[in-house]
Amino acid sequence: MAGETLPTRGECNCFAVRSAARHVTQFYDQFLAPTGLRTTQFSVLARLKRKGPLAINRLAEEMVMDRTTLGRNILPLERDGLIAIEPNESDRRSKELRLTKAGEKRFQAAMKQWSRAQAQFESTFGTRRAADLRTMLRAVAAIEFIAADERRA
């Protein structure tokens, strides 16, 4: 460790992305708070609204989350009757999530709040910069990173 130069927080890609993600999440959470949803829960409802019923593993994959993290986020949604978790019709061992009527109603209310957050974000950050940011972040999410120890194998 002696002689190594530690990176500053301005040099670490991971720190920069995670800090920005937390900052933006907190911003959107403030807007969604009146609906009783957090940003991740809103994203689950939005994905189910867009795609229809999904297997838990498929939803986790699409949201770039591990199944355990997704599980923590769907428990309150199930408890509040916003989603239903049922056996998959084609594979009874697999669980499938679907939006309920109550979930649809809550999602519609949350969409109004999300739209307000989105408009304020773009007004503050700039519409073009926000679009460019989304494009860059989608590109980052699409990259298959290989761990250093896997490259040596």
N, C-alpha and C. Protein backbone atom coordinates (compact mmCIF):
# COMPACT_ATOMS: atom_id res chain seq x y z
N MET A 1 0.83 -1.19 0.00
CA MET A 1 0.00 0.00 0.00
C MET A 1 0.87 1.25 0.00
N ALA A 2 2.04 1.18 0.65
CA ALA A 2 2.94 2.32 0.67
C ALA A 2 3.36 2.65 -0.75
N GLY A 3 3.38 3.92 -1.07
CA GLY A 3 3.78 4.35 -2.39
C GLY A 3 2.64 4.40 -3.40
N GLU A 4 1.51 3.76 -3.09
CA GLU A 4 0.37 3.81 -3.98
C GLU A 4 -0.34 5.14 -3.82
N THR A 5 -0.78 5.68 -4.92
CA THR A 5 -1.55 6.91 -4.88
C THR A 5 -3.02 6.53 -4.87
N LEU A 6 -3.72 6.96 -3.86
CA LEU A 6 -5.15 6.65 -3.78
C LEU A 6 -5.91 7.57 -4.72
N PRO A 7 -6.92 7.01 -5.38
CA PRO A 7 -7.71 7.85 -6.28
C PRO A 7 -8.54 8.85 -5.46
N THR A 8 -8.71 10.02 -6.03
CA THR A 8 -9.62 10.98 -5.40
C THR A 8 -11.04 10.57 -5.78
N ARG A 9 -12.00 11.09 -5.05
CA ARG A 9 -13.38 10.71 -5.38
C ARG A 9 -13.76 11.20 -6.78
N GLY A 10 -13.09 12.23 -7.27
CA GLY A 10 -13.35 12.72 -8.61
C GLY A 10 -12.80 11.82 -9.70
N GLU A 11 -11.92 10.90 -9.35
CA GLU A 11 -11.32 9.99 -10.33
C GLU A 11 -12.01 8.63 -10.38
N CYS A 12 -12.84 8.33 -9.40
CA CYS A 12 -13.46 7.00 -9.32
C CYS A 12 -14.81 7.00 -10.05
N ASN A 13 -14.87 6.23 -11.13
CA ASN A 13 -16.12 6.14 -11.91
C ASN A 13 -17.27 5.61 -11.08
N CYS A 14 -16.98 4.58 -10.29
CA CYS A 14 -18.03 3.96 -9.48
C CYS A 14 -18.61 4.95 -8.48
N PHE A 15 -17.73 5.68 -7.78
CA PHE A 15 -18.20 6.66 -6.80
C PHE A 15 -19.07 7.73 -7.48
N ALA A 16 -18.61 8.21 -8.63
CA ALA A 16 -19.35 9.26 -9.33
C ALA A 16 -20.74 8.78 -9.75
N VAL A 17 -20.81 7.57 -10.31
CA VAL A 17 -22.11 7.03 -10.76
C VAL A 17 -23.03 6.78 -9.57
N ARG A 18 -22.48 6.16 -8.51
CA ARG A 18 -23.32 5.84 -7.33
C ARG A 18 -23.79 7.11 -6.62
N SER A 19 -22.92 8.10 -6.52
CA SER A 19 -23.31 9.37 -5.88
C SER A 19 -24.43 10.04 -6.66
N ALA A 20 -24.26 10.10 -7.97
CA ALA A 20 -25.30 10.70 -8.82
C ALA A 20 -26.60 9.91 -8.71
N ALA A 21 -26.50 8.58 -8.72
CA ALA A 21 -27.71 7.74 -8.62
C ALA A 21 -28.43 8.00 -7.30
N ARG A 22 -27.68 8.07 -6.21
CA ARG A 22 -28.34 8.34 -4.91
C ARG A 22 -28.97 9.72 -4.89
N HIS A 23 -28.28 10.70 -5.43
CA HIS A 23 -28.79 12.08 -5.46
C HIS A 23 -30.09 12.17 -6.27
N VAL A 24 -30.09 11.58 -7.44
CA VAL A 24 -31.27 11.63 -8.30
C VAL A 24 -32.41 10.81 -7.69
N THR A 25 -32.08 9.66 -7.10
CA THR A 25 -33.10 8.82 -6.46
C THR A 25 -33.77 9.59 -5.32
N GLN A 26 -32.99 10.27 -4.50
CA GLN A 26 -33.56 11.05 -3.40
C GLN A 26 -34.49 12.15 -3.94
N PHE A 27 -34.09 12.77 -5.04
CA PHE A 27 -34.90 13.81 -5.68
C PHE A 27 -36.25 13.24 -6.12
N TYR A 28 -36.24 12.12 -6.85
CA TYR A 28 -37.48 11.50 -7.33
C TYR A 28 -38.31 10.96 -6.16
N ASP A 29 -37.64 10.40 -5.15
CA ASP A 29 -38.36 9.90 -3.97
C ASP A 29 -39.18 10.99 -3.30
N GLN A 30 -38.67 12.22 -3.27
CA GLN A 30 -39.42 13.34 -2.67
C GLN A 30 -40.73 13.57 -3.42
N PHE A 31 -40.69 13.48 -4.72
CA PHE A 31 -41.90 13.67 -5.51
C PHE A 31 -42.87 12.51 -5.35
N LEU A 32 -42.33 11.28 -5.26
CA LEU A 32 -43.18 10.09 -5.16
C LEU A 32 -43.73 9.86 -3.76
N ALA A 33 -43.15 10.49 -2.75
CA ALA A 33 -43.54 10.25 -1.35
C ALA A 33 -45.05 10.34 -1.11
N PRO A 34 -45.76 11.33 -1.66
CA PRO A 34 -47.21 11.39 -1.41
C PRO A 34 -47.98 10.14 -1.88
N THR A 35 -47.40 9.38 -2.79
CA THR A 35 -48.07 8.18 -3.30
C THR A 35 -47.72 6.94 -2.48
N GLY A 36 -46.79 7.09 -1.54
CA GLY A 36 -46.38 5.95 -0.72
C GLY A 36 -45.41 5.01 -1.41
N LEU A 37 -44.87 5.44 -2.54
CA LEU A 37 -43.91 4.62 -3.28
C LEU A 37 -42.53 5.25 -3.25
N ARG A 38 -41.54 4.40 -3.34
CA ARG A 38 -40.17 4.85 -3.54
C ARG A 38 -39.84 4.63 -5.02
N THR A 39 -38.75 5.21 -5.46
CA THR A 39 -38.38 5.15 -6.87
C THR A 39 -38.28 3.72 -7.40
N THR A 40 -37.63 2.84 -6.64
CA THR A 40 -37.48 1.47 -7.11
C THR A 40 -38.83 0.77 -7.22
N GLN A 41 -39.71 1.01 -6.26
CA GLN A 41 -41.04 0.41 -6.30
C GLN A 41 -41.84 0.94 -7.50
N PHE A 42 -41.72 2.23 -7.75
CA PHE A 42 -42.36 2.82 -8.92
C PHE A 42 -41.84 2.15 -10.19
N SER A 43 -40.54 1.90 -10.24
CA SER A 43 -39.94 1.26 -11.42
C SER A 43 -40.47 -0.16 -11.61
N VAL A 44 -40.69 -0.88 -10.52
CA VAL A 44 -41.27 -2.22 -10.61
C VAL A 44 -42.67 -2.14 -11.21
N LEU A 45 -43.48 -1.24 -10.68
CA LEU A 45 -44.85 -1.09 -11.19
C LEU A 45 -44.84 -0.67 -12.66
N ALA A 46 -43.94 0.25 -13.01
CA ALA A 46 -43.85 0.72 -14.40
C ALA A 46 -43.47 -0.41 -15.34
N ARG A 47 -42.53 -1.25 -14.91
CA ARG A 47 -42.09 -2.36 -15.76
C ARG A 47 -43.23 -3.36 -15.95
N LEU A 48 -43.97 -3.65 -14.88
CA LEU A 48 -45.10 -4.58 -14.98
C LEU A 48 -46.22 -3.99 -15.83
N LYS A 49 -46.42 -2.69 -15.73
CA LYS A 49 -47.44 -2.02 -16.55
C LYS A 49 -47.06 -2.12 -18.03
N ARG A 50 -45.79 -1.91 -18.33
CA ARG A 50 -45.31 -1.91 -19.70
C ARG A 50 -45.24 -3.32 -20.30
N LYS A 51 -44.76 -4.29 -19.51
CA LYS A 51 -44.48 -5.63 -20.03
C LYS A 51 -45.55 -6.66 -19.71
N GLY A 52 -46.41 -6.38 -18.72
CA GLY A 52 -47.36 -7.39 -18.28
C GLY A 52 -46.69 -8.30 -17.26
N PRO A 53 -47.34 -9.41 -16.90
CA PRO A 53 -46.79 -10.32 -15.89
C PRO A 53 -45.38 -10.80 -16.27
N LEU A 54 -44.51 -10.83 -15.25
CA LEU A 54 -43.13 -11.27 -15.47
C LEU A 54 -42.69 -12.20 -14.35
N ALA A 55 -41.86 -13.17 -14.71
CA ALA A 55 -41.24 -14.02 -13.70
C ALA A 55 -40.30 -13.16 -12.87
N ILE A 56 -40.15 -13.49 -11.59
CA ILE A 56 -39.31 -12.71 -10.69
C ILE A 56 -37.89 -12.61 -11.25
N ASN A 57 -37.32 -13.71 -11.69
CA ASN A 57 -35.96 -13.68 -12.22
C ASN A 57 -35.84 -12.79 -13.45
N ARG A 58 -36.84 -12.83 -14.31
CA ARG A 58 -36.83 -11.99 -15.52
C ARG A 58 -36.92 -10.51 -15.16
N LEU A 59 -37.77 -10.18 -14.20
CA LEU A 59 -37.90 -8.80 -13.76
C LEU A 59 -36.59 -8.31 -13.14
N ALA A 60 -35.97 -9.13 -12.31
CA ALA A 60 -34.68 -8.76 -11.70
C ALA A 60 -33.64 -8.50 -12.79
N GLU A 61 -33.60 -9.36 -13.78
CA GLU A 61 -32.65 -9.21 -14.88
C GLU A 61 -32.91 -7.91 -15.64
N GLU A 62 -34.16 -7.63 -15.96
CA GLU A 62 -34.50 -6.42 -16.71
C GLU A 62 -34.19 -5.15 -15.93
N MET A 63 -34.28 -5.23 -14.61
CA MET A 63 -34.02 -4.05 -13.77
C MET A 63 -32.57 -3.98 -13.32
N VAL A 64 -31.75 -4.91 -13.77
CA VAL A 64 -30.34 -4.99 -13.40
C VAL A 64 -30.21 -4.99 -11.87
N MET A 65 -30.94 -5.92 -11.25
CA MET A 65 -30.94 -6.10 -9.80
C MET A 65 -30.73 -7.56 -9.49
N ASP A 66 -30.17 -7.82 -8.32
CA ASP A 66 -30.15 -9.21 -7.91
C ASP A 66 -31.52 -9.55 -7.33
N ARG A 67 -31.83 -10.82 -7.31
CA ARG A 67 -33.17 -11.26 -6.91
C ARG A 67 -33.49 -10.88 -5.46
N THR A 68 -32.48 -10.91 -4.58
CA THR A 68 -32.69 -10.57 -3.17
C THR A 68 -33.11 -9.11 -3.02
N THR A 69 -32.44 -8.22 -3.73
CA THR A 69 -32.79 -6.79 -3.67
C THR A 69 -34.19 -6.56 -4.22
N LEU A 70 -34.50 -7.22 -5.33
CA LEU A 70 -35.84 -7.11 -5.89
C LEU A 70 -36.86 -7.62 -4.88
N GLY A 71 -36.55 -8.73 -4.23
CA GLY A 71 -37.46 -9.30 -3.23
C GLY A 71 -37.80 -8.31 -2.13
N ARG A 72 -36.80 -7.57 -1.66
CA ARG A 72 -37.04 -6.56 -0.61
C ARG A 72 -37.94 -5.44 -1.12
N ASN A 73 -37.86 -5.15 -2.39
CA ASN A 73 -38.66 -4.07 -2.95
C ASN A 73 -40.08 -4.50 -3.28
N ILE A 74 -40.30 -5.78 -3.57
CA ILE A 74 -41.65 -6.21 -3.93
C ILE A 74 -42.50 -6.59 -2.72
N LEU A 75 -41.86 -6.89 -1.59
CA LEU A 75 -42.65 -7.28 -0.41
C LEU A 75 -43.69 -6.22 -0.02
N PRO A 76 -43.30 -4.93 0.11
CA PRO A 76 -44.33 -3.94 0.45
C PRO A 76 -45.38 -3.77 -0.64
N LEU A 77 -44.99 -3.98 -1.88
CA LEU A 77 -45.96 -3.87 -2.99
C LEU A 77 -46.99 -4.99 -2.90
N GLU A 78 -46.53 -6.17 -2.55
CA GLU A 78 -47.46 -7.30 -2.38
C GLU A 78 -48.33 -7.08 -1.15
N ARG A 79 -47.69 -6.66 -0.05
CA ARG A 79 -48.42 -6.43 1.20
C ARG A 79 -49.55 -5.41 1.00
N ASP A 80 -49.28 -4.38 0.21
CA ASP A 80 -50.27 -3.32 -0.03
C ASP A 80 -51.24 -3.66 -1.16
N GLY A 81 -51.12 -4.86 -1.71
CA GLY A 81 -52.05 -5.30 -2.75
C GLY A 81 -51.81 -4.66 -4.11
N LEU A 82 -50.61 -4.13 -4.33
CA LEU A 82 -50.33 -3.45 -5.60
C LEU A 82 -49.83 -4.41 -6.67
N ILE A 83 -49.27 -5.53 -6.23
CA ILE A 83 -48.87 -6.59 -7.15
C ILE A 83 -49.34 -7.92 -6.56
N ALA A 84 -49.48 -8.89 -7.42
CA ALA A 84 -49.79 -10.25 -6.98
C ALA A 84 -48.63 -11.13 -7.42
N ILE A 85 -48.27 -12.06 -6.54
CA ILE A 85 -47.22 -13.03 -6.86
C ILE A 85 -47.89 -14.39 -6.94
N GLU A 86 -47.84 -14.99 -8.12
CA GLU A 86 -48.55 -16.23 -8.37
C GLU A 86 -47.65 -17.22 -9.09
N PRO A 87 -47.96 -18.50 -9.00
CA PRO A 87 -47.19 -19.49 -9.77
C PRO A 87 -47.35 -19.21 -11.27
N ASN A 88 -46.29 -19.36 -12.00
CA ASN A 88 -46.31 -19.20 -13.45
C ASN A 88 -47.14 -20.33 -14.05
N GLU A 89 -48.02 -20.01 -14.98
CA GLU A 89 -48.90 -21.02 -15.57
C GLU A 89 -48.14 -22.10 -16.33
N SER A 90 -47.04 -21.71 -16.99
CA SER A 90 -46.30 -22.69 -17.78
C SER A 90 -45.26 -23.46 -16.96
N ASP A 91 -44.83 -22.89 -15.84
CA ASP A 91 -43.85 -23.56 -14.96
C ASP A 91 -44.24 -23.26 -13.52
N ARG A 92 -44.94 -24.16 -12.89
CA ARG A 92 -45.50 -23.94 -11.54
C ARG A 92 -44.41 -23.69 -10.49
N ARG A 93 -43.16 -24.06 -10.79
CA ARG A 93 -42.07 -23.81 -9.83
C ARG A 93 -41.65 -22.35 -9.84
N SER A 94 -41.94 -21.65 -10.91
CA SER A 94 -41.55 -20.25 -11.09
C SER A 94 -42.67 -19.33 -10.61
N LYS A 95 -42.30 -18.23 -9.97
CA LYS A 95 -43.28 -17.23 -9.52
C LYS A 95 -43.34 -16.09 -10.53
N GLU A 96 -44.54 -15.59 -10.72
CA GLU A 96 -44.77 -14.51 -11.67
C GLU A 96 -45.41 -13.32 -10.94
N LEU A 97 -44.98 -12.13 -11.29
CA LEU A 97 -45.54 -10.91 -10.70
C LEU A 97 -46.47 -10.27 -11.70
N ARG A 98 -47.58 -9.74 -11.18
CA ARG A 98 -48.48 -8.99 -12.05
C ARG A 98 -49.04 -7.80 -11.28
N LEU A 99 -49.35 -6.77 -12.01
CA LEU A 99 -49.94 -5.56 -11.46
C LEU A 99 -51.41 -5.82 -11.15
N THR A 100 -51.85 -5.42 -9.96
CA THR A 100 -53.27 -5.56 -9.61
C THR A 100 -54.01 -4.27 -9.99
N LYS A 101 -55.33 -4.28 -9.84
CA LYS A 101 -56.11 -3.06 -10.10
C LYS A 101 -55.69 -1.94 -9.16
N ALA A 102 -55.45 -2.27 -7.88
CA ALA A 102 -54.97 -1.26 -6.92
C ALA A 102 -53.59 -0.75 -7.33
N GLY A 103 -52.76 -1.65 -7.86
CA GLY A 103 -51.43 -1.27 -8.33
C GLY A 103 -51.51 -0.34 -9.52
N GLU A 104 -52.44 -0.64 -10.40
CA GLU A 104 -52.66 0.22 -11.57
C GLU A 104 -53.07 1.63 -11.13
N LYS A 105 -53.98 1.70 -10.17
CA LYS A 105 -54.45 3.00 -9.68
C LYS A 105 -53.31 3.77 -9.01
N ARG A 106 -52.52 3.09 -8.18
CA ARG A 106 -51.39 3.75 -7.50
C ARG A 106 -50.34 4.18 -8.52
N PHE A 107 -50.13 3.34 -9.52
CA PHE A 107 -49.15 3.69 -10.56
C PHE A 107 -49.58 4.96 -11.29
N GLN A 108 -50.86 5.07 -11.62
CA GLN A 108 -51.34 6.27 -12.31
C GLN A 108 -51.12 7.53 -11.46
N ALA A 109 -51.38 7.43 -10.17
CA ALA A 109 -51.14 8.57 -9.27
C ALA A 109 -49.65 8.89 -9.22
N ALA A 110 -48.83 7.85 -9.15
CA ALA A 110 -47.38 8.05 -9.08
C ALA A 110 -46.83 8.62 -10.39
N MET A 111 -47.44 8.26 -11.52
CA MET A 111 -46.99 8.78 -12.82
C MET A 111 -47.08 10.30 -12.85
N LYS A 112 -48.12 10.84 -12.24
CA LYS A 112 -48.26 12.31 -12.20
C LYS A 112 -47.09 12.92 -11.44
N GLN A 113 -46.75 12.32 -10.31
CA GLN A 113 -45.63 12.82 -9.50
C GLN A 113 -44.30 12.61 -10.22
N TRP A 114 -44.15 11.46 -10.86
CA TRP A 114 -42.93 11.18 -11.62
C TRP A 114 -42.76 12.20 -12.74
N SER A 115 -43.86 12.52 -13.42
CA SER A 115 -43.81 13.51 -14.51
C SER A 115 -43.36 14.88 -14.00
N ARG A 116 -43.81 15.23 -12.81
CA ARG A 116 -43.36 16.50 -12.21
C ARG A 116 -41.87 16.46 -11.91
N ALA A 117 -41.40 15.34 -11.37
CA ALA A 117 -39.96 15.20 -11.07
C ALA A 117 -39.15 15.24 -12.36
N GLN A 118 -39.62 14.53 -13.37
CA GLN A 118 -38.92 14.48 -14.65
C GLN A 118 -38.82 15.88 -15.26
N ALA A 119 -39.91 16.62 -15.23
CA ALA A 119 -39.91 17.97 -15.79
C ALA A 119 -38.96 18.89 -15.02
N GLN A 120 -38.97 18.79 -13.71
CA GLN A 120 -38.09 19.64 -12.92
C GLN A 120 -36.62 19.26 -13.13
N PHE A 121 -36.34 17.96 -13.20
CA PHE A 121 -34.97 17.51 -13.46
C PHE A 121 -34.48 18.09 -14.78
N GLU A 122 -35.30 17.95 -15.83
CA GLU A 122 -34.89 18.43 -17.15
C GLU A 122 -34.80 19.94 -17.21
N SER A 123 -35.66 20.63 -16.49
CA SER A 123 -35.61 22.09 -16.43
C SER A 123 -34.31 22.55 -15.77
N THR A 124 -33.91 21.84 -14.73
CA THR A 124 -32.70 22.20 -13.99
C THR A 124 -31.43 21.76 -14.71
N PHE A 125 -31.42 20.52 -15.17
CA PHE A 125 -30.21 19.94 -15.77
C PHE A 125 -30.09 20.26 -17.25
N GLY A 126 -31.22 20.48 -17.90
CA GLY A 126 -31.24 20.74 -19.34
C GLY A 126 -31.81 19.53 -20.07
N THR A 127 -32.76 19.78 -20.95
CA THR A 127 -33.42 18.69 -21.67
C THR A 127 -32.43 17.90 -22.51
N ARG A 128 -31.58 18.59 -23.25
CA ARG A 128 -30.61 17.90 -24.11
C ARG A 128 -29.59 17.13 -23.27
N ARG A 129 -29.09 17.75 -22.20
CA ARG A 129 -28.12 17.06 -21.34
C ARG A 129 -28.75 15.83 -20.69
N ALA A 130 -30.03 15.94 -20.29
CA ALA A 130 -30.72 14.80 -19.69
C ALA A 130 -30.85 13.66 -20.69
N ALA A 131 -31.19 13.98 -21.94
CA ALA A 131 -31.29 12.95 -22.98
C ALA A 131 -29.92 12.31 -23.23
N ASP A 132 -28.88 13.13 -23.30
CA ASP A 132 -27.53 12.60 -23.50
C ASP A 132 -27.11 11.72 -22.32
N LEU A 133 -27.46 12.15 -21.11
CA LEU A 133 -27.14 11.36 -19.91
C LEU A 133 -27.80 9.99 -19.97
N ARG A 134 -29.08 9.95 -20.32
CA ARG A 134 -29.79 8.67 -20.42
C ARG A 134 -29.14 7.77 -21.46
N THR A 135 -28.74 8.34 -22.59
CA THR A 135 -28.07 7.57 -23.63
C THR A 135 -26.76 6.99 -23.11
N MET A 136 -25.97 7.80 -22.44
CA MET A 136 -24.69 7.32 -21.91
C MET A 136 -24.90 6.25 -20.84
N LEU A 137 -25.88 6.44 -19.97
CA LEU A 137 -26.11 5.47 -18.91
C LEU A 137 -26.63 4.15 -19.46
N ARG A 138 -27.46 4.19 -20.49
CA ARG A 138 -27.91 2.95 -21.14
C ARG A 138 -26.72 2.22 -21.76
N ALA A 139 -25.79 2.97 -22.34
CA ALA A 139 -24.58 2.37 -22.92
C ALA A 139 -23.74 1.71 -21.83
N VAL A 140 -23.59 2.36 -20.70
CA VAL A 140 -22.82 1.78 -19.59
C VAL A 140 -23.51 0.50 -19.11
N ALA A 141 -24.83 0.54 -18.96
CA ALA A 141 -25.57 -0.63 -18.48
C ALA A 141 -25.50 -1.79 -19.45
N ALA A 142 -25.25 -1.52 -20.73
CA ALA A 142 -25.21 -2.58 -21.74
C ALA A 142 -23.84 -3.26 -21.84
N ILE A 143 -22.83 -2.66 -21.24
CA ILE A 143 -21.47 -3.22 -21.33
C ILE A 143 -21.35 -4.44 -20.43
N GLU A 144 -20.71 -5.47 -20.94
CA GLU A 144 -20.39 -6.65 -20.14
C GLU A 144 -18.99 -6.45 -19.59
N PHE A 145 -18.89 -6.04 -18.33
CA PHE A 145 -17.59 -5.86 -17.71
C PHE A 145 -17.03 -7.22 -17.30
N ILE A 146 -15.75 -7.41 -17.49
CA ILE A 146 -15.09 -8.66 -17.11
C ILE A 146 -14.16 -8.35 -15.94
N ALA A 147 -14.34 -9.08 -14.85
CA ALA A 147 -13.48 -8.87 -13.67
C ALA A 147 -12.05 -9.23 -14.03
N ALA A 148 -11.10 -8.58 -13.37
CA ALA A 148 -9.68 -8.77 -13.66
C ALA A 148 -9.28 -10.24 -13.53
N ASP A 149 -9.78 -10.92 -12.51
CA ASP A 149 -9.39 -12.32 -12.32
C ASP A 149 -9.96 -13.23 -13.40
N GLU A 150 -11.07 -12.83 -14.04
CA GLU A 150 -11.65 -13.63 -15.11
C GLU A 150 -10.85 -13.47 -16.40
N ARG A 151 -10.22 -12.30 -16.61
CA ARG A 151 -9.44 -12.08 -17.81
C ARG A 151 -8.17 -12.92 -17.81
N ARG A 152 -7.62 -13.20 -16.64
CA ARG A 152 -6.40 -13.98 -16.54
C ARG A 152 -6.64 -15.46 -16.79
N ALA A 153 -7.86 -15.89 -16.64
CA ALA A 153 -8.17 -17.33 -16.76
C ALA A 153 -8.05 -17.83 -18.17
